[in-house]
């Protein structure tokens, strides 16, 4: 019977490979909505990390929770910046005629 760590690593590796295969086949037209979706998923990760950090079960969980908050928050900010930049590419530079 595998330990919890081995099982967790197996699930993580499987999710990584499945995620890469799914994202690789996404049409370029869908990249902006996909970025918005990943920003929403990162927000869920921030909430989970805040809960883990706030429990103070051990100093390791507090430190890892704080690192998770920082990483997910920077990923959210970067995702919104990239999404904004991509949406600006679709806007016309001409001003509308009066």
Protein backbone atom coordinates (compact mmCIF):
# COMPACT_ATOMS: atom_id res chain seq x y z
CA UNK A 1 0.00 0.00 0.00
CA UNK A 2 1.58 3.31 -1.05
CA UNK A 3 2.05 6.03 1.55
CA UNK A 4 0.13 9.30 1.41
CA UNK A 5 3.20 11.11 0.04
CA UNK A 6 3.69 8.60 -2.77
CA UNK A 7 0.01 8.73 -3.67
CA UNK A 8 0.03 12.55 -3.63
CA UNK A 9 3.12 12.68 -5.87
CA UNK A 10 1.51 10.21 -8.27
CA UNK A 11 -1.66 12.32 -8.51
CA UNK A 12 0.44 15.49 -8.96
CA UNK A 13 2.47 13.97 -11.81
CA UNK A 14 -0.64 12.59 -13.50
CA UNK A 15 -2.44 15.96 -13.23
CA UNK A 16 0.64 17.71 -14.65
CA UNK A 17 0.79 15.49 -17.74
CA UNK A 18 -2.96 15.62 -18.34
CA UNK A 19 -2.96 19.43 -17.93
CA UNK A 20 -0.09 19.86 -20.36
CA UNK A 21 -1.81 17.72 -22.98
CA UNK A 22 -5.09 19.59 -22.62
CA UNK A 23 -3.51 23.05 -22.77
CA UNK A 24 -1.30 22.11 -25.71
CA UNK A 25 -4.38 21.40 -27.85
CA UNK A 26 -6.17 24.69 -27.09
CA UNK A 27 -6.83 26.93 -30.08
CA UNK A 28 -4.98 30.30 -30.03
CA UNK A 29 -8.37 32.05 -30.06
CA UNK A 30 -9.18 30.54 -26.69
CA UNK A 31 -6.00 31.55 -24.87
CA UNK A 32 -7.49 34.73 -23.36
CA UNK A 33 -10.49 32.96 -21.79
CA UNK A 34 -8.15 30.19 -20.64
CA UNK A 35 -5.94 32.76 -18.89
CA UNK A 36 -8.99 34.21 -17.14
CA UNK A 37 -9.96 30.74 -15.98
CA UNK A 38 -6.51 30.04 -14.58
CA UNK A 39 -6.66 33.34 -12.69
CA UNK A 40 -9.88 32.16 -11.06
CA UNK A 41 -8.28 28.83 -10.14
CA UNK A 42 -5.31 30.65 -8.62
CA UNK A 43 -7.72 32.66 -6.50
CA UNK A 44 -9.03 29.37 -5.10
CA UNK A 45 -5.42 28.36 -4.37
CA UNK A 46 -4.88 31.62 -2.46
CA UNK A 47 -7.95 30.96 -0.31
CA UNK A 48 -6.74 27.43 0.44
CA UNK A 49 -3.26 28.69 1.30
CA UNK A 50 -4.71 31.32 3.63
CA UNK A 51 -6.68 28.62 5.44
CA UNK A 52 -3.59 26.39 5.78
CA UNK A 53 -1.45 29.29 6.98
CA UNK A 54 -4.06 30.46 9.48
CA UNK A 55 -4.35 27.08 11.19
CA UNK A 56 -0.78 27.24 12.61
CA UNK A 57 -0.55 23.46 12.91
CA UNK A 58 3.23 23.58 12.51
CA UNK A 59 5.82 26.12 11.56
CA UNK A 60 6.49 24.20 8.31
CA UNK A 61 2.85 24.44 7.25
CA UNK A 62 2.82 28.14 8.09
CA UNK A 63 5.95 28.80 6.01
CA UNK A 64 4.74 26.69 3.09
CA UNK A 65 1.32 28.34 3.27
CA UNK A 66 2.92 31.80 3.15
CA UNK A 67 5.02 30.75 0.15
CA UNK A 68 1.89 29.40 -1.55
CA UNK A 69 0.09 32.69 -0.93
CA UNK A 70 2.98 34.66 -2.43
CA UNK A 71 3.34 32.36 -5.45
CA UNK A 72 -0.37 32.19 -6.26
CA UNK A 73 -0.83 35.95 -5.79
CA UNK A 74 2.06 36.74 -8.14
CA UNK A 75 0.60 34.27 -10.63
CA UNK A 76 -2.78 36.02 -10.46
CA UNK A 77 -1.24 39.46 -10.99
CA UNK A 78 0.89 38.23 -13.88
CA UNK A 79 -2.08 36.45 -15.43
CA UNK A 80 -4.21 39.58 -15.35
CA UNK A 81 -1.36 41.61 -16.86
CA UNK A 82 -0.94 39.12 -19.70
CA UNK A 83 -4.71 38.91 -20.26
CA UNK A 84 -4.93 42.70 -20.41
CA UNK A 85 -2.07 42.85 -22.90
CA UNK A 86 -3.71 40.19 -25.07
CA UNK A 87 -7.06 42.00 -25.04
CA UNK A 88 -5.36 45.26 -26.07
CA UNK A 89 -4.13 43.48 -29.20
CA UNK A 90 -7.74 43.06 -30.36
CA UNK A 91 -8.64 46.73 -29.95
CA UNK A 92 -8.34 48.99 -32.96
CA UNK A 93 -5.97 51.91 -32.78
CA UNK A 94 -8.25 54.12 -34.92
CA UNK A 95 -10.62 56.52 -33.24
CA UNK A 96 -14.30 56.15 -34.16
CA UNK A 97 -15.68 58.69 -36.61
CA UNK A 98 -18.15 61.22 -35.25
